[in-house]
Amino acid sequence: MASKAVSGGRVHLNGARVKSARSINIGDEVRIHRNEEEFVVTVLQLAEKRGPAKVARTLYEESPESIQARDEHRQARRLLAQGRPAAPAKRPGKRDRRKIRSFIRKE
């Protein structure tokens, strides 16, 4: 999954697009785009081998600006979703489709 993100151009290291084999160093800034969100993290330590997620979280630090921008973006999406009309409770039946067709043809 991570190599797909790198090859898809969703990961940048110190402002430049990277390849999967690129190694990172302590102090590097990594920008990760996932759907509509962007994470900006700084590498604090490197692990000798792959380990659990709890340990991995201690190896990097997300910038406060990144956290704030994601929260604002999430709030904006939530407000936008509230303004949309709700989906119908069920699909239109035969009679409902006839009414829709007759309404459309009148215009």
N, C-alpha and C. Protein backbone atom coordinates (compact mmCIF):
# COMPACT_ATOMS: atom_id res chain seq x y z
N MET A 1 0.82 -1.18 0.00
CA MET A 1 0.00 0.00 0.00
C MET A 1 0.87 1.26 0.00
N ALA A 2 1.92 1.25 0.79
CA ALA A 2 2.80 2.41 0.85
C ALA A 2 3.54 2.60 -0.47
N SER A 3 3.97 1.51 -1.09
CA SER A 3 4.68 1.65 -2.36
C SER A 3 3.75 2.16 -3.45
N LYS A 4 2.46 1.81 -3.39
CA LYS A 4 1.48 2.35 -4.35
C LYS A 4 1.34 3.85 -4.17
N ALA A 5 1.32 4.31 -2.93
CA ALA A 5 1.20 5.74 -2.66
C ALA A 5 2.42 6.49 -3.17
N VAL A 6 3.60 5.90 -2.99
CA VAL A 6 4.83 6.54 -3.45
C VAL A 6 4.86 6.58 -4.97
N SER A 7 4.56 5.47 -5.61
CA SER A 7 4.59 5.44 -7.08
C SER A 7 3.47 6.28 -7.68
N GLY A 8 2.40 6.50 -6.94
CA GLY A 8 1.31 7.34 -7.41
C GLY A 8 1.54 8.82 -7.21
N GLY A 9 2.67 9.20 -6.62
CA GLY A 9 2.99 10.61 -6.43
C GLY A 9 2.33 11.24 -5.23
N ARG A 10 1.89 10.43 -4.29
CA ARG A 10 1.20 10.96 -3.11
C ARG A 10 2.14 11.20 -1.93
N VAL A 11 3.41 10.85 -2.08
CA VAL A 11 4.39 11.04 -1.01
C VAL A 11 5.52 11.92 -1.51
N HIS A 12 5.85 12.95 -0.74
CA HIS A 12 6.96 13.84 -1.08
C HIS A 12 7.91 13.89 0.11
N LEU A 13 9.18 13.86 -0.18
CA LEU A 13 10.22 13.92 0.85
C LEU A 13 10.99 15.21 0.67
N ASN A 14 10.94 16.07 1.68
CA ASN A 14 11.60 17.37 1.64
C ASN A 14 11.20 18.16 0.40
N GLY A 15 9.94 18.09 0.03
CA GLY A 15 9.41 18.87 -1.08
C GLY A 15 9.56 18.25 -2.45
N ALA A 16 10.20 17.10 -2.56
CA ALA A 16 10.42 16.46 -3.86
C ALA A 16 9.72 15.10 -3.90
N ARG A 17 9.24 14.76 -5.08
CA ARG A 17 8.61 13.45 -5.26
C ARG A 17 9.68 12.37 -5.16
N VAL A 18 9.34 11.24 -4.56
CA VAL A 18 10.33 10.19 -4.32
C VAL A 18 9.93 8.88 -4.99
N LYS A 19 10.89 7.96 -5.05
CA LYS A 19 10.63 6.60 -5.50
C LYS A 19 10.60 5.68 -4.29
N SER A 20 10.12 4.46 -4.49
CA SER A 20 9.95 3.52 -3.37
C SER A 20 11.25 3.18 -2.68
N ALA A 21 12.35 3.10 -3.39
CA ALA A 21 13.62 2.66 -2.81
C ALA A 21 14.36 3.79 -2.09
N ARG A 22 13.84 4.98 -2.09
CA ARG A 22 14.51 6.12 -1.47
C ARG A 22 14.55 5.95 0.04
N SER A 23 15.73 6.09 0.63
CA SER A 23 15.84 5.98 2.08
C SER A 23 15.65 7.36 2.72
N ILE A 24 15.20 7.36 3.96
CA ILE A 24 14.97 8.61 4.66
C ILE A 24 15.97 8.74 5.79
N ASN A 25 16.13 9.95 6.26
CA ASN A 25 17.06 10.24 7.35
C ASN A 25 16.31 10.95 8.47
N ILE A 26 16.93 11.01 9.61
CA ILE A 26 16.34 11.72 10.75
C ILE A 26 16.27 13.20 10.41
N GLY A 27 15.13 13.81 10.68
CA GLY A 27 14.93 15.23 10.40
C GLY A 27 14.26 15.51 9.07
N ASP A 28 14.04 14.49 8.24
CA ASP A 28 13.38 14.69 6.95
C ASP A 28 11.90 15.01 7.16
N GLU A 29 11.37 15.84 6.25
CA GLU A 29 9.95 16.16 6.27
C GLU A 29 9.25 15.36 5.18
N VAL A 30 8.22 14.63 5.56
CA VAL A 30 7.48 13.78 4.63
C VAL A 30 6.05 14.30 4.54
N ARG A 31 5.61 14.55 3.30
CA ARG A 31 4.23 14.98 3.04
C ARG A 31 3.49 13.81 2.41
N ILE A 32 2.38 13.42 3.02
CA ILE A 32 1.61 12.28 2.55
C ILE A 32 0.20 12.74 2.23
N HIS A 33 -0.24 12.51 0.99
CA HIS A 33 -1.61 12.84 0.57
C HIS A 33 -2.44 11.57 0.59
N ARG A 34 -3.54 11.61 1.30
CA ARG A 34 -4.47 10.48 1.35
C ARG A 34 -5.87 11.03 1.13
N ASN A 35 -6.47 10.65 -0.01
CA ASN A 35 -7.76 11.17 -0.43
C ASN A 35 -7.70 12.70 -0.44
N GLU A 36 -8.42 13.36 0.42
CA GLU A 36 -8.41 14.82 0.46
C GLU A 36 -7.57 15.36 1.62
N GLU A 37 -6.93 14.51 2.36
CA GLU A 37 -6.15 14.93 3.52
C GLU A 37 -4.66 14.97 3.19
N GLU A 38 -3.94 15.81 3.91
CA GLU A 38 -2.49 15.86 3.76
C GLU A 38 -1.86 15.82 5.15
N PHE A 39 -0.90 14.93 5.31
CA PHE A 39 -0.16 14.80 6.56
C PHE A 39 1.26 15.32 6.33
N VAL A 40 1.76 16.14 7.24
CA VAL A 40 3.14 16.60 7.19
C VAL A 40 3.82 16.11 8.45
N VAL A 41 4.75 15.16 8.31
CA VAL A 41 5.42 14.58 9.47
C VAL A 41 6.92 14.77 9.37
N THR A 42 7.56 14.83 10.51
CA THR A 42 9.00 14.93 10.61
C THR A 42 9.53 13.64 11.22
N VAL A 43 10.56 13.08 10.61
CA VAL A 43 11.14 11.82 11.08
C VAL A 43 12.01 12.12 12.30
N LEU A 44 11.72 11.46 13.42
CA LEU A 44 12.49 11.66 14.65
C LEU A 44 13.55 10.58 14.85
N GLN A 45 13.19 9.33 14.52
CA GLN A 45 14.11 8.20 14.68
C GLN A 45 13.85 7.22 13.55
N LEU A 46 14.80 6.31 13.36
CA LEU A 46 14.65 5.24 12.39
C LEU A 46 14.64 3.91 13.11
N ALA A 47 13.82 3.00 12.67
CA ALA A 47 13.73 1.69 13.30
C ALA A 47 14.69 0.72 12.61
N GLU A 48 15.24 -0.19 13.37
CA GLU A 48 16.13 -1.21 12.81
C GLU A 48 15.35 -2.23 12.01
N LYS A 49 14.16 -2.59 12.52
CA LYS A 49 13.31 -3.55 11.81
C LYS A 49 11.86 -3.15 12.02
N ARG A 50 11.01 -3.75 11.23
CA ARG A 50 9.58 -3.43 11.30
C ARG A 50 9.02 -3.88 12.65
N GLY A 51 8.15 -3.04 13.23
CA GLY A 51 7.57 -3.35 14.52
C GLY A 51 6.12 -2.96 14.59
N PRO A 52 5.55 -2.98 15.79
CA PRO A 52 4.14 -2.65 15.96
C PRO A 52 3.86 -1.16 15.73
N ALA A 53 2.59 -0.84 15.50
CA ALA A 53 2.18 0.52 15.20
C ALA A 53 2.45 1.47 16.37
N LYS A 54 2.34 0.98 17.60
CA LYS A 54 2.61 1.82 18.77
C LYS A 54 4.05 2.32 18.76
N VAL A 55 4.96 1.46 18.38
CA VAL A 55 6.37 1.85 18.31
C VAL A 55 6.59 2.78 17.12
N ALA A 56 5.93 2.50 16.01
CA ALA A 56 6.10 3.33 14.81
C ALA A 56 5.64 4.76 15.05
N ARG A 57 4.60 4.95 15.84
CA ARG A 57 4.11 6.30 16.13
C ARG A 57 5.14 7.14 16.89
N THR A 58 6.04 6.52 17.60
CA THR A 58 7.05 7.28 18.34
C THR A 58 8.22 7.70 17.45
N LEU A 59 8.26 7.19 16.23
CA LEU A 59 9.37 7.48 15.34
C LEU A 59 9.17 8.75 14.51
N TYR A 60 7.97 9.30 14.51
CA TYR A 60 7.70 10.52 13.75
C TYR A 60 6.81 11.44 14.55
N GLU A 61 6.74 12.71 14.09
CA GLU A 61 5.89 13.69 14.74
C GLU A 61 5.17 14.49 13.67
N GLU A 62 3.86 14.58 13.79
CA GLU A 62 3.09 15.37 12.83
C GLU A 62 3.11 16.84 13.26
N SER A 63 3.24 17.74 12.29
CA SER A 63 3.32 19.17 12.61
C SER A 63 1.96 19.68 13.08
N PRO A 64 1.94 20.64 13.99
CA PRO A 64 0.67 21.19 14.48
C PRO A 64 -0.14 21.85 13.36
N GLU A 65 0.55 22.47 12.37
CA GLU A 65 -0.15 23.09 11.24
C GLU A 65 -0.90 22.04 10.43
N SER A 66 -0.30 20.87 10.27
CA SER A 66 -0.93 19.78 9.53
C SER A 66 -2.17 19.29 10.25
N ILE A 67 -2.08 19.14 11.55
CA ILE A 67 -3.23 18.68 12.35
C ILE A 67 -4.36 19.71 12.26
N GLN A 68 -4.02 20.99 12.39
CA GLN A 68 -5.03 22.04 12.35
C GLN A 68 -5.68 22.11 10.96
N ALA A 69 -4.89 22.01 9.89
CA ALA A 69 -5.43 22.06 8.53
C ALA A 69 -6.38 20.89 8.27
N ARG A 70 -6.01 19.70 8.75
CA ARG A 70 -6.88 18.54 8.56
C ARG A 70 -8.19 18.69 9.33
N ASP A 71 -8.12 19.24 10.56
CA ASP A 71 -9.33 19.46 11.35
C ASP A 71 -10.25 20.48 10.68
N GLU A 72 -9.67 21.56 10.12
CA GLU A 72 -10.48 22.57 9.44
C GLU A 72 -11.13 21.98 8.19
N HIS A 73 -10.37 21.18 7.45
CA HIS A 73 -10.89 20.56 6.24
C HIS A 73 -12.01 19.57 6.59
N ARG A 74 -11.84 18.81 7.64
CA ARG A 74 -12.85 17.86 8.09
C ARG A 74 -14.13 18.60 8.51
N GLN A 75 -13.96 19.72 9.21
CA GLN A 75 -15.11 20.52 9.65
C GLN A 75 -15.85 21.09 8.43
N ALA A 76 -15.11 21.57 7.44
CA ALA A 76 -15.74 22.12 6.23
C ALA A 76 -16.52 21.05 5.48
N ARG A 77 -15.97 19.84 5.40
CA ARG A 77 -16.69 18.74 4.74
C ARG A 77 -17.96 18.39 5.50
N ARG A 78 -17.89 18.42 6.83
CA ARG A 78 -19.05 18.11 7.65
C ARG A 78 -20.16 19.15 7.43
N LEU A 79 -19.79 20.43 7.38
CA LEU A 79 -20.77 21.48 7.14
C LEU A 79 -21.37 21.38 5.74
N LEU A 80 -20.55 21.02 4.77
CA LEU A 80 -21.04 20.87 3.40
C LEU A 80 -22.01 19.70 3.31
N ALA A 81 -21.73 18.63 4.02
CA ALA A 81 -22.62 17.46 4.00
C ALA A 81 -23.95 17.77 4.66
N GLN A 82 -23.98 18.66 5.62
CA GLN A 82 -25.23 19.01 6.28
C GLN A 82 -26.16 19.77 5.36
N GLY A 83 -25.61 20.50 4.40
CA GLY A 83 -26.42 21.29 3.49
C GLY A 83 -27.02 20.48 2.36
N ARG A 84 -26.56 19.29 2.13
CA ARG A 84 -27.08 18.44 1.05
C ARG A 84 -28.42 17.85 1.45
N PRO A 85 -29.29 17.68 0.45
CA PRO A 85 -30.56 17.01 0.77
C PRO A 85 -30.32 15.54 1.09
N ALA A 86 -31.15 15.01 1.95
CA ALA A 86 -31.00 13.62 2.36
C ALA A 86 -31.42 12.68 1.23
N ALA A 87 -30.84 11.54 1.19
CA ALA A 87 -31.19 10.54 0.18
C ALA A 87 -32.59 10.01 0.47
N PRO A 88 -33.32 9.61 -0.56
CA PRO A 88 -34.66 9.07 -0.31
C PRO A 88 -34.59 7.80 0.52
N ALA A 89 -35.68 7.55 1.26
CA ALA A 89 -35.71 6.40 2.15
C ALA A 89 -35.74 5.09 1.38
N LYS A 90 -36.35 5.10 0.18
CA LYS A 90 -36.43 3.88 -0.61
C LYS A 90 -36.40 4.24 -2.08
N ARG A 91 -36.20 3.26 -2.93
CA ARG A 91 -36.21 3.48 -4.37
C ARG A 91 -37.64 3.72 -4.83
N PRO A 92 -37.83 4.53 -5.89
CA PRO A 92 -39.19 4.77 -6.36
C PRO A 92 -39.81 3.50 -6.94
N GLY A 93 -41.06 3.30 -6.65
CA GLY A 93 -41.79 2.15 -7.18
C GLY A 93 -42.34 2.46 -8.56
N LYS A 94 -43.15 1.58 -9.10
CA LYS A 94 -43.70 1.72 -10.44
C LYS A 94 -44.56 2.99 -10.55
N ARG A 95 -45.40 3.20 -9.55
CA ARG A 95 -46.26 4.38 -9.55
C ARG A 95 -45.44 5.66 -9.43
N ASP A 96 -44.44 5.64 -8.56
CA ASP A 96 -43.58 6.81 -8.37
C ASP A 96 -42.82 7.15 -9.65
N ARG A 97 -42.33 6.14 -10.37
CA ARG A 97 -41.61 6.39 -11.63
C ARG A 97 -42.55 7.01 -12.66
N ARG A 98 -43.79 6.56 -12.70
CA ARG A 98 -44.76 7.15 -13.62
C ARG A 98 -44.98 8.62 -13.30
N LYS A 99 -45.11 8.93 -12.02
CA LYS A 99 -45.28 10.33 -11.62
C LYS A 99 -44.06 11.18 -12.00
N ILE A 100 -42.87 10.63 -11.81
CA ILE A 100 -41.63 11.35 -12.16
C ILE A 100 -41.60 11.61 -13.66
N ARG A 101 -41.91 10.59 -14.46
CA ARG A 101 -41.90 10.75 -15.92
C ARG A 101 -42.92 11.79 -16.37
N SER A 102 -44.10 11.74 -15.80
CA SER A 102 -45.13 12.71 -16.20
C SER A 102 -44.73 14.12 -15.78
N PHE A 103 -44.09 14.26 -14.65
CA PHE A 103 -43.64 15.58 -14.20
C PHE A 103 -42.55 16.13 -15.11
N ILE A 104 -41.63 15.27 -15.50
CA ILE A 104 -40.52 15.70 -16.37
C ILE A 104 -41.05 16.08 -17.75
N ARG A 105 -42.00 15.35 -18.28
CA ARG A 105 -42.53 15.61 -19.63
C ARG A 105 -43.37 16.88 -19.70
N LYS A 106 -43.90 17.32 -18.57
CA LYS A 106 -44.71 18.54 -18.56
C LYS A 106 -43.86 19.77 -18.83
N GLU A 107 -42.61 19.75 -18.41
CA GLU A 107 -41.74 20.93 -18.54
C GLU A 107 -41.32 21.20 -19.94
